[in-house]
Amino acid sequence: MTDTPTLESSLYRHVRTIGVVATETPFALDTRGTDNFLAVSTGCSFAVYNAAKLRLVIHGPQMDSEVTALALYNDWTVAACGHRVSLYRRSRLVSSLPPFSAPVALRMVGKHLVCLATDGEVAVVPLAGQSEETRRYRLPMTETDGSVSAFIHPNGIGNSLLVGTQSGRLELHDFSSRSLLRRYTGFEATLASLALQSSKDARKRRLQDIVSGAGPQGAVALPEITCIAQSTHHDYIAVGTASGHIIIHDIKKDESLLSFRVPTGVSALSFK
């Protein structure tokens, strides 16, 4: 018998490093000219790689706790560790923001770093130029809005943040004027309809609960918004929920274009 030759994959042949251990914290991407750079969390530190061949460019210092969010802009790497946000110029700590009262997510909006805590507290930090100061305020949200669970900067809509909440609400805020621009009631109606349909699928179980004294049938609660992604067509976004629903929505017309559902909660979305 002759041994069957093993065919070696060429998929990773050009990659310098394989098996780099990173946590589940989402990576940050920055494009400089023709080069793409990735910042990843390695636990209580971060690393920045040239994406072409995964060449290590920067290795950050050790921090007191695990990195939970990252942002990348030119020589700046911003790391959030729970309630604390630190700004590094390459691997050197330059400054830290006063602690937030809740966990923080990070986004780059042009040359500005936007930090948004789950309780609605916002900090806008200029990373280029010294004429501006850091602005800090709280989103005009009510208790019924719930905590912030996802947000993006929608391209083409100025200094804006598209915010999703644990209560299933979708809102557009302007961080320059500190105002609520729009609440997407059309999106909420679609999400409510999908949630109602899901509850009808489980009607037998609910009726059994009512008969057994577990409680009456209440109003349908909107599921938590877990992630938001924007398509190359600026008016279209995809919204994922904890219930597994995915909705493609037109944020200019406040109309839902299509929806579908996956078996588990949605943790990430992307258009191609």
C-alpha atoms as a PDB file:
ATOM      1  CA  MET A   1       0.000   0.000   0.000  1.00  0.00           C
ATOM      2  CA  THR A   2       1.134   3.505  -0.672  1.00  0.00           C
ATOM      3  CA  ASP A   3       0.405   6.326   1.716  1.00  0.00           C
ATOM      4  CA  THR A   4      -1.855   9.043   0.443  1.00  0.00           C
ATOM      5  CA  PRO A   5       0.128  12.274   0.341  1.00  0.00           C
ATOM      6  CA  THR A   6      -1.022  14.952   2.768  1.00  0.00           C
ATOM      7  CA  LEU A   7      -2.018  18.182   1.079  1.00  0.00           C
ATOM      8  CA  GLU A   8      -0.825  21.186   3.043  1.00  0.00           C
ATOM      9  CA  SER A   9      -3.175  24.154   3.114  1.00  0.00           C
ATOM     10  CA  SER A  10      -1.763  27.399   1.777  1.00  0.00           C
ATOM     11  CA  LEU A  11      -4.408  29.485   3.511  1.00  0.00           C
ATOM     12  CA  TYR A  12      -2.094  30.647   6.311  1.00  0.00           C
ATOM     13  CA  ARG A  13       1.217  30.327   4.493  1.00  0.00           C
ATOM     14  CA  HIS A  14       1.738  34.105   4.330  1.00  0.00           C
ATOM     15  CA  VAL A  15       0.739  34.643   7.968  1.00  0.00           C
ATOM     16  CA  ARG A  16       3.606  35.242  10.357  1.00  0.00           C
ATOM     17  CA  THR A  17       1.829  34.291  13.583  1.00  0.00           C
ATOM     18  CA  ILE A  18      -0.920  31.730  14.169  1.00  0.00           C
ATOM     19  CA  GLY A  19      -2.461  30.816  17.492  1.00  0.00           C
ATOM     20  CA  VAL A  20      -2.342  34.233  19.112  1.00  0.00           C
ATOM     21  CA  VAL A  21      -4.642  34.019  22.113  1.00  0.00           C
ATOM     22  CA  ALA A  22      -7.224  36.795  22.302  1.00  0.00           C
ATOM     23  CA  THR A  23     -10.287  37.134  24.493  1.00  0.00           C
ATOM     24  CA  GLU A  24     -13.884  37.438  23.331  1.00  0.00           C
ATOM     25  CA  THR A  25     -13.628  41.250  23.484  1.00  0.00           C
ATOM     26  CA  PRO A  26     -14.358  42.557  19.952  1.00  0.00           C
ATOM     27  CA  PHE A  27     -11.267  43.760  18.078  1.00  0.00           C
ATOM     28  CA  ALA A  28     -10.825  47.354  16.909  1.00  0.00           C
ATOM     29  CA  LEU A  29      -9.905  48.129  13.285  1.00  0.00           C
ATOM     30  CA  ASP A  30      -8.044  51.147  11.916  1.00  0.00           C
ATOM     31  CA  THR A  31      -7.112  51.785   8.276  1.00  0.00           C
ATOM     32  CA  ARG A  32      -4.071  53.906   7.492  1.00  0.00           C
ATOM     33  CA  GLY A  33      -3.501  54.301   3.778  1.00  0.00           C
ATOM     34  CA  THR A  34      -3.353  50.781   2.368  1.00  0.00           C
ATOM     35  CA  ASP A  35      -2.599  49.137   5.730  1.00  0.00           C
ATOM     36  CA  ASN A  36      -5.137  47.732   8.173  1.00  0.00           C
ATOM     37  CA  PHE A  37      -4.367  47.390  11.870  1.00  0.00           C
ATOM     38  CA  LEU A  38      -6.137  45.318  14.509  1.00  0.00           C
ATOM     39  CA  ALA A  39      -6.167  45.879  18.252  1.00  0.00           C
ATOM     40  CA  VAL A  40      -7.114  42.809  20.282  1.00  0.00           C
ATOM     41  CA  SER A  41      -7.475  42.101  23.968  1.00  0.00           C
ATOM     42  CA  THR A  42      -5.123  39.501  25.421  1.00  0.00           C
ATOM     43  CA  GLY A  43      -6.680  39.585  28.861  1.00  0.00           C
ATOM     44  CA  CYS A  44      -5.243  42.353  31.039  1.00  0.00           C
ATOM     45  CA  SER A  45      -3.330  43.831  28.110  1.00  0.00           C
ATOM     46  CA  PHE A  46      -3.735  44.554  24.396  1.00  0.00           C
ATOM     47  CA  ALA A  47      -1.803  43.924  21.195  1.00  0.00           C
ATOM     48  CA  VAL A  48      -1.880  45.729  17.854  1.00  0.00           C
ATOM     49  CA  TYR A  49      -1.162  43.790  14.658  1.00  0.00           C
ATOM     50  CA  ASN A  50      -0.685  44.663  11.020  1.00  0.00           C
ATOM     51  CA  ALA A  51      -3.562  42.672   9.532  1.00  0.00           C
ATOM     52  CA  ALA A  52      -1.715  41.749   6.312  1.00  0.00           C
ATOM     53  CA  LYS A  53       0.540  39.151   7.972  1.00  0.00           C
ATOM     54  CA  LEU A  54      -0.447  39.444  11.641  1.00  0.00           C
ATOM     55  CA  ARG A  55       2.842  41.187  12.402  1.00  0.00           C
ATOM     56  CA  LEU A  56       2.955  42.445  15.981  1.00  0.00           C
ATOM     57  CA  VAL A  57       3.273  46.243  16.001  1.00  0.00           C
ATOM     58  CA  ILE A  58       2.512  47.173  19.619  1.00  0.00           C
ATOM     59  CA  HIS A  59       2.290  45.181  22.806  1.00  0.00           C
ATOM     60  CA  GLY A  60       0.508  47.061  25.567  1.00  0.00           C
ATOM     61  CA  PRO A  61       1.364  47.084  29.281  1.00  0.00           C
ATOM     62  CA  GLN A  62      -0.326  44.949  31.904  1.00  0.00           C
ATOM     63  CA  MET A  63      -3.422  46.489  33.492  1.00  0.00           C
ATOM     64  CA  ASP A  64      -5.172  45.817  36.774  1.00  0.00           C
ATOM     65  CA  SER A  65      -8.213  44.152  35.178  1.00  0.00           C
ATOM     66  CA  GLU A  66      -9.334  42.582  31.914  1.00  0.00           C
ATOM     67  CA  VAL A  67      -9.815  44.738  28.818  1.00  0.00           C
ATOM     68  CA  THR A  68     -13.521  44.878  27.927  1.00  0.00           C
ATOM     69  CA  ALA A  69     -13.504  47.319  24.963  1.00  0.00           C
ATOM     70  CA  LEU A  70     -10.986  48.761  22.499  1.00  0.00           C
ATOM     71  CA  ALA A  71     -10.675  51.621  20.016  1.00  0.00           C
ATOM     72  CA  LEU A  72      -7.834  52.372  17.596  1.00  0.00           C
ATOM     73  CA  TYR A  73      -6.877  55.624  15.842  1.00  0.00           C
ATOM     74  CA  ASN A  74      -3.444  56.266  14.314  1.00  0.00           C
ATOM     75  CA  ASP A  75      -0.949  55.952  17.196  1.00  0.00           C
ATOM     76  CA  TRP A  76      -3.724  55.944  19.802  1.00  0.00           C
ATOM     77  CA  THR A  77      -5.014  52.774  21.435  1.00  0.00           C
ATOM     78  CA  VAL A  78      -7.872  53.207  23.878  1.00  0.00           C
ATOM     79  CA  ALA A  79      -8.706  50.431  26.315  1.00  0.00           C
ATOM     80  CA  ALA A  80     -11.717  50.185  28.614  1.00  0.00           C
ATOM     81  CA  CYS A  81     -11.506  47.957  31.671  1.00  0.00           C
ATOM     82  CA  GLY A  82     -15.051  47.839  32.967  1.00  0.00           C
ATOM     83  CA  HIS A  83     -15.788  51.368  34.215  1.00  0.00           C
ATOM     84  CA  ARG A  84     -12.327  52.808  33.483  1.00  0.00           C
ATOM     85  CA  VAL A  85     -10.985  54.130  30.157  1.00  0.00           C
ATOM     86  CA  SER A  86      -7.247  54.618  29.481  1.00  0.00           C
ATOM     87  CA  LEU A  87      -5.621  56.295  26.472  1.00  0.00           C
ATOM     88  CA  TYR A  88      -2.273  55.003  25.188  1.00  0.00           C
ATOM     89  CA  ARG A  89       0.040  56.541  22.608  1.00  0.00           C
ATOM     90  CA  ARG A  90       1.494  53.365  21.205  1.00  0.00           C
ATOM     91  CA  SER A  91       2.254  51.487  24.454  1.00  0.00           C
ATOM     92  CA  ARG A  92       2.675  54.533  26.747  1.00  0.00           C
ATOM     93  CA  LEU A  93      -0.186  55.565  29.024  1.00  0.00           C
ATOM     94  CA  VAL A  94      -1.013  59.212  28.303  1.00  0.00           C
ATOM     95  CA  SER A  95      -4.167  59.771  30.336  1.00  0.00           C
ATOM     96  CA  SER A  96      -7.163  58.120  31.962  1.00  0.00           C
ATOM     97  CA  LEU A  97     -10.725  59.402  32.089  1.00  0.00           C
ATOM     98  CA  PRO A  98     -12.521  59.781  35.417  1.00  0.00           C
ATOM     99  CA  PRO A  99     -14.275  56.472  36.121  1.00  0.00           C
ATOM    100  CA  PHE A 100     -17.758  55.893  34.752  1.00  0.00           C
ATOM    101  CA  SER A 101     -20.555  54.525  36.912  1.00  0.00           C
ATOM    102  CA  ALA A 102     -21.260  51.619  34.518  1.00  0.00           C
ATOM    103  CA  PRO A 103     -19.408  49.472  31.933  1.00  0.00           C
ATOM    104  CA  VAL A 104     -18.273  51.393  28.842  1.00  0.00           C
ATOM    105  CA  ALA A 105     -18.271  50.738  25.088  1.00  0.00           C
ATOM    106  CA  LEU A 106     -15.994  52.659  22.682  1.00  0.00           C
ATOM    107  CA  ARG A 107     -16.373  53.977  19.123  1.00  0.00           C
ATOM    108  CA  MET A 108     -14.278  56.256  16.920  1.00  0.00           C
ATOM    109  CA  VAL A 109     -16.282  58.998  15.190  1.00  0.00           C
ATOM    110  CA  GLY A 110     -13.853  60.753  12.893  1.00  0.00           C
ATOM    111  CA  LYS A 111     -11.108  62.122  15.149  1.00  0.00           C
ATOM    112  CA  HIS A 112     -13.244  61.836  18.264  1.00  0.00           C
ATOM    113  CA  LEU A 113     -13.421  58.970  20.714  1.00  0.00           C
ATOM    114  CA  VAL A 114     -16.956  58.355  21.973  1.00  0.00           C
ATOM    115  CA  CYS A 115     -17.332  56.453  25.246  1.00  0.00           C
ATOM    116  CA  LEU A 116     -20.869  55.365  26.089  1.00  0.00           C
ATOM    117  CA  ALA A 117     -21.700  53.646  29.365  1.00  0.00           C
ATOM    118  CA  THR A 118     -24.661  51.319  29.748  1.00  0.00           C
ATOM    119  CA  ASP A 119     -26.400  53.878  31.993  1.00  0.00           C
ATOM    120  CA  GLY A 120     -26.304  56.500  29.200  1.00  0.00           C
ATOM    121  CA  GLU A 121     -23.287  58.526  30.328  1.00  0.00           C
ATOM    122  CA  VAL A 122     -21.284  59.832  27.346  1.00  0.00           C
ATOM    123  CA  ALA A 123     -17.741  61.187  27.027  1.00  0.00           C
ATOM    124  CA  VAL A 124     -16.487  62.679  23.744  1.00  0.00           C
ATOM    125  CA  VAL A 125     -12.685  62.900  23.639  1.00  0.00           C
ATOM    126  CA  PRO A 126     -10.773  64.671  20.806  1.00  0.00           C
ATOM    127  CA  LEU A 127      -7.742  62.626  19.742  1.00  0.00           C
ATOM    128  CA  ALA A 128      -6.363  65.172  17.260  1.00  0.00           C
ATOM    129  CA  GLY A 129      -5.720  68.824  18.037  1.00  0.00           C
ATOM    130  CA  GLN A 130      -5.643  70.511  21.415  1.00  0.00           C
ATOM    131  CA  SER A 131      -8.322  73.183  20.938  1.00  0.00           C
ATOM    132  CA  GLU A 132     -11.200  71.012  22.130  1.00  0.00           C
ATOM    133  CA  GLU A 133     -11.870  69.724  25.596  1.00  0.00           C
ATOM    134  CA  THR A 134     -13.448  66.437  26.592  1.00  0.00           C
ATOM    135  CA  ARG A 135     -17.226  66.745  26.786  1.00  0.00           C
ATOM    136  CA  ARG A 136     -19.172  64.636  29.215  1.00  0.00           C
ATOM    137  CA  TYR A 137     -22.938  64.384  29.639  1.00  0.00           C
ATOM    138  CA  ARG A 138     -25.825  61.900  29.919  1.00  0.00           C
ATOM    139  CA  LEU A 139     -28.192  60.846  27.146  1.00  0.00           C
ATOM    140  CA  PRO A 140     -31.759  62.173  27.571  1.00  0.00           C
ATOM    141  CA  MET A 141     -33.191  58.730  28.318  1.00  0.00           C
ATOM    142  CA  THR A 142     -36.020  57.699  30.605  1.00  0.00           C
ATOM    143  CA  GLU A 143     -36.187  54.763  33.001  1.00  0.00           C
ATOM    144  CA  THR A 144     -38.452  52.908  30.539  1.00  0.00           C
ATOM    145  CA  ASP A 145     -35.680  53.046  27.914  1.00  0.00           C
ATOM    146  CA  GLY A 146     -33.595  50.592  29.945  1.00  0.00           C
ATOM    147  CA  SER A 147     -29.823  50.361  29.779  1.00  0.00           C
ATOM    148  CA  VAL A 148     -27.810  50.986  26.616  1.00  0.00           C
ATOM    149  CA  SER A 149     -26.996  47.588  25.099  1.00  0.00           C
ATOM    150  CA  ALA A 150     -25.571  48.505  21.641  1.00  0.00           C
ATOM    151  CA  PHE A 151     -24.622  51.584  19.639  1.00  0.00           C
ATOM    152  CA  ILE A 152     -22.937  52.658  16.404  1.00  0.00           C
ATOM    153  CA  HIS A 153     -22.117  55.901  14.628  1.00  0.00           C
ATOM    154  CA  PRO A 154     -24.267  55.842  11.461  1.00  0.00           C
ATOM    155  CA  ASN A 155     -22.215  57.135   8.535  1.00  0.00           C
ATOM    156  CA  GLY A 156     -23.647  60.181   6.847  1.00  0.00           C
ATOM    157  CA  ILE A 157     -25.561  61.515   9.879  1.00  0.00           C
ATOM    158  CA  GLY A 158     -23.139  64.006  11.423  1.00  0.00           C
ATOM    159  CA  ASN A 159     -22.240  63.742  15.089  1.00  0.00           C
ATOM    160  CA  SER A 160     -24.815  61.085  15.802  1.00  0.00           C
ATOM    161  CA  LEU A 161     -25.130  57.879  17.789  1.00  0.00           C
ATOM    162  CA  LEU A 162     -27.656  55.170  16.965  1.00  0.00           C
ATOM    163  CA  VAL A 163     -28.467  53.618  20.324  1.00  0.00           C
ATOM    164  CA  GLY A 164     -30.229  50.348  21.120  1.00  0.00           C
ATOM    165  CA  THR A 165     -31.464  49.507  24.611  1.00  0.00           C
ATOM    166  CA  GLN A 166     -32.291  46.500  26.740  1.00  0.00           C
ATOM    167  CA  SER A 167     -35.965  47.372  26.402  1.00  0.00           C
ATOM    168  CA  GLY A 168     -35.841  47.073  22.591  1.00  0.00           C
ATOM    169  CA  ARG A 169     -35.865  50.774  21.784  1.00  0.00           C
ATOM    170  CA  LEU A 170     -33.863  52.306  18.939  1.00  0.00           C
ATOM    171  CA  GLU A 171     -32.965  56.005  19.141  1.00  0.00           C
ATOM    172  CA  LEU A 172     -30.811  58.506  17.253  1.00  0.00           C
ATOM    173  CA  HIS A 173     -28.890  60.991  19.430  1.00  0.00           C
ATOM    174  CA  ASP A 174     -26.693  63.968  18.503  1.00  0.00           C
ATOM    175  CA  PHE A 175     -23.669  64.098  20.813  1.00  0.00           C
ATOM    176  CA  SER A 176     -22.774  67.629  19.679  1.00  0.00           C
ATOM    177  CA  SER A 177     -26.126  69.230  20.606  1.00  0.00           C
ATOM    178  CA  ARG A 178     -26.753  66.586  23.297  1.00  0.00           C
ATOM    179  CA  SER A 179     -30.267  66.000  21.992  1.00  0.00           C
ATOM    180  CA  LEU A 180     -32.539  63.149  20.957  1.00  0.00           C
ATOM    181  CA  LEU A 181     -33.062  63.430  17.197  1.00  0.00           C
ATOM    182  CA  ARG A 182     -35.423  60.532  16.601  1.00  0.00           C
ATOM    183  CA  ARG A 183     -37.047  57.531  18.204  1.00  0.00           C
ATOM    184  CA  TYR A 184     -37.743  54.724  15.755  1.00  0.00           C
ATOM    185  CA  THR A 185     -41.318  53.761  16.550  1.00  0.00           C
ATOM    186  CA  GLY A 186     -41.621  51.922  13.229  1.00  0.00           C
ATOM    187  CA  PHE A 187     -38.777  49.636  14.237  1.00  0.00           C
ATOM    188  CA  GLU A 188     -40.325  49.067  17.651  1.00  0.00           C
ATOM    189  CA  ALA A 189     -43.648  48.136  16.004  1.00  0.00           C
ATOM    190  CA  THR A 190     -41.893  45.539  13.853  1.00  0.00           C
ATOM    191  CA  LEU A 191     -40.023  44.125  16.844  1.00  0.00           C
ATOM    192  CA  ALA A 192     -43.242  43.999  18.876  1.00  0.00           C
ATOM    193  CA  SER A 193     -44.989  42.118  16.064  1.00  0.00           C
ATOM    194  CA  LEU A 194     -42.166  39.579  15.887  1.00  0.00           C
ATOM    195  CA  ALA A 195     -42.140  39.167  19.662  1.00  0.00           C
ATOM    196  CA  LEU A 196     -45.920  38.669  19.646  1.00  0.00           C
ATOM    197  CA  GLN A 197     -45.633  36.038  16.927  1.00  0.00           C
ATOM    198  CA  SER A 198     -42.990  34.238  18.968  1.00  0.00           C
ATOM    199  CA  SER A 199     -45.257  34.349  21.997  1.00  0.00           C
ATOM    200  CA  LYS A 200     -48.133  32.891  19.958  1.00  0.00           C
ATOM    201  CA  ASP A 201     -45.881  29.980  19.051  1.00  0.00           C
ATOM    202  CA  ALA A 202     -45.622  29.294  22.777  1.00  0.00           C
ATOM    203  CA  ARG A 203     -49.321  29.881  23.533  1.00  0.00           C
ATOM    204  CA  LYS A 204     -49.948  26.387  24.830  1.00  0.00           C
ATOM    205  CA  ARG A 205     -47.240  26.773  27.431  1.00  0.00           C
ATOM    206  CA  ARG A 206     -48.574  30.152  28.547  1.00  0.00           C
ATOM    207  CA  LEU A 207     -52.120  28.824  28.815  1.00  0.00           C
ATOM    208  CA  GLN A 208     -50.852  25.993  30.927  1.00  0.00           C
ATOM    209  CA  ASP A 209     -49.168  28.541  33.174  1.00  0.00           C
ATOM    210  CA  ILE A 210     -52.404  30.507  33.501  1.00  0.00           C
ATOM    211  CA  VAL A 211     -54.417  27.376  34.319  1.00  0.00           C
ATOM    212  CA  SER A 212     -51.821  26.350  36.898  1.00  0.00           C
ATOM    213  CA  GLY A 213     -51.969  29.785  38.515  1.00  0.00           C
ATOM    214  CA  ALA A 214     -48.542  30.927  37.322  1.00  0.00           C
ATOM    215  CA  GLY A 215     -49.980  34.285  36.291  1.00  0.00           C
ATOM    216  CA  PRO A 216     -52.100  36.001  33.616  1.00  0.00           C
ATOM    217  CA  GLN A 217     -50.972  36.728  30.108  1.00  0.00           C
ATOM    218  CA  GLY A 218     -49.263  40.133  30.105  1.00  0.00           C
ATOM    219  CA  ALA A 219     -48.151  42.550  27.447  1.00  0.00           C
ATOM    220  CA  VAL A 220     -45.405  41.376  25.129  1.00  0.00           C
ATOM    221  CA  ALA A 221     -42.019  42.769  26.180  1.00  0.00           C
ATOM    222  CA  LEU A 222     -39.600  43.805  23.466  1.00  0.00           C
ATOM    223  CA  PRO A 223     -36.368  41.777  23.432  1.00  0.00           C
ATOM    224  CA  GLU A 224     -33.008  43.390  24.149  1.00  0.00           C
ATOM    225  CA  ILE A 225     -31.094  44.854  21.207  1.00  0.00           C
ATOM    226  CA  THR A 226     -27.698  43.148  21.298  1.00  0.00           C
ATOM    227  CA  CYS A 227     -25.908  44.487  18.194  1.00  0.00           C
ATOM    228  CA  ILE A 228     -26.286  46.955  15.319  1.00  0.00           C
ATOM    229  CA  ALA A 229     -24.479  47.027  11.957  1.00  0.00           C
ATOM    230  CA  GLN A 230     -24.692  49.471   9.047  1.00  0.00           C
ATOM    231  CA  SER A 231     -24.658  48.444   5.406  1.00  0.00           C
ATOM    232  CA  THR A 232     -22.760  50.187   2.632  1.00  0.00           C
ATOM    233  CA  HIS A 233     -26.096  51.801   1.798  1.00  0.00           C
ATOM    234  CA  HIS A 234     -26.055  54.363   4.603  1.00  0.00           C
ATOM    235  CA  ASP A 235     -29.813  54.266   5.247  1.00  0.00           C
ATOM    236  CA  TYR A 236     -29.925  50.521   5.940  1.00  0.00           C
ATOM    237  CA  ILE A 237     -28.957  48.888   9.214  1.00  0.00           C
ATOM    238  CA  ALA A 238     -29.236  45.398  10.678  1.00  0.00           C
ATOM    239  CA  VAL A 239     -30.344  44.995  14.283  1.00  0.00           C
ATOM    240  CA  GLY A 240     -29.857  41.779  16.241  1.00  0.00           C
ATOM    241  CA  THR A 241     -31.723  40.898  19.424  1.00  0.00           C
ATOM    242  CA  ALA A 242     -31.391  38.576  22.388  1.00  0.00           C
ATOM    243  CA  SER A 243     -34.386  36.626  21.078  1.00  0.00           C
ATOM    244  CA  GLY A 244     -32.566  35.783  17.816  1.00  0.00           C
ATOM    245  CA  HIS A 245     -34.531  38.188  15.622  1.00  0.00           C
ATOM    246  CA  ILE A 246     -32.603  40.095  12.942  1.00  0.00           C
ATOM    247  CA  ILE A 247     -34.268  43.105  11.321  1.00  0.00           C
ATOM    248  CA  ILE A 248     -33.057  45.048   8.282  1.00  0.00           C
ATOM    249  CA  HIS A 249     -34.332  48.586   8.802  1.00  0.00           C
ATOM    250  CA  ASP A 250     -34.322  51.834   6.827  1.00  0.00           C
ATOM    251  CA  ILE A 251     -33.386  54.509   9.381  1.00  0.00           C
ATOM    252  CA  LYS A 252     -34.283  57.346   7.011  1.00  0.00           C
ATOM    253  CA  LYS A 253     -37.873  56.202   6.446  1.00  0.00           C
ATOM    254  CA  ASP A 254     -38.224  54.246   9.723  1.00  0.00           C
ATOM    255  CA  GLU A 255     -39.404  51.204   7.775  1.00  0.00           C
ATOM    256  CA  SER A 256     -38.386  47.578   8.242  1.00  0.00           C
ATOM    257  CA  LEU A 257     -37.411  45.888   4.992  1.00  0.00           C
ATOM    258  CA  LEU A 258     -37.153  42.270   6.088  1.00  0.00           C
ATOM    259  CA  SER A 259     -36.630  40.115   9.150  1.00  0.00           C
ATOM    260  CA  PHE A 260     -35.620  36.578  10.030  1.00  0.00           C
ATOM    261  CA  ARG A 261     -34.687  34.626  13.114  1.00  0.00           C
ATOM    262  CA  VAL A 262     -31.812  32.433  14.246  1.00  0.00           C
ATOM    263  CA  PRO A 263     -32.056  29.812  17.024  1.00  0.00           C
ATOM    264  CA  THR A 264     -30.066  31.777  19.627  1.00  0.00           C
ATOM    265  CA  GLY A 265     -29.419  35.382  20.602  1.00  0.00           C
ATOM    266  CA  VAL A 266     -27.445  37.452  18.087  1.00  0.00           C
ATOM    267  CA  SER A 267     -23.983  38.491  19.270  1.00  0.00           C
ATOM    268  CA  ALA A 268     -22.558  40.105  16.095  1.00  0.00           C
ATOM    269  CA  LEU A 269     -23.653  41.247  12.631  1.00  0.00           C
ATOM    270  CA  SER A 270     -21.887  42.325   9.462  1.00  0.00           C
ATOM    271  CA  PHE A 271     -22.765  43.205   5.869  1.00  0.00           C
ATOM    272  CA  LYS A 272     -20.752  42.066   2.872  1.00  0.00           C
END
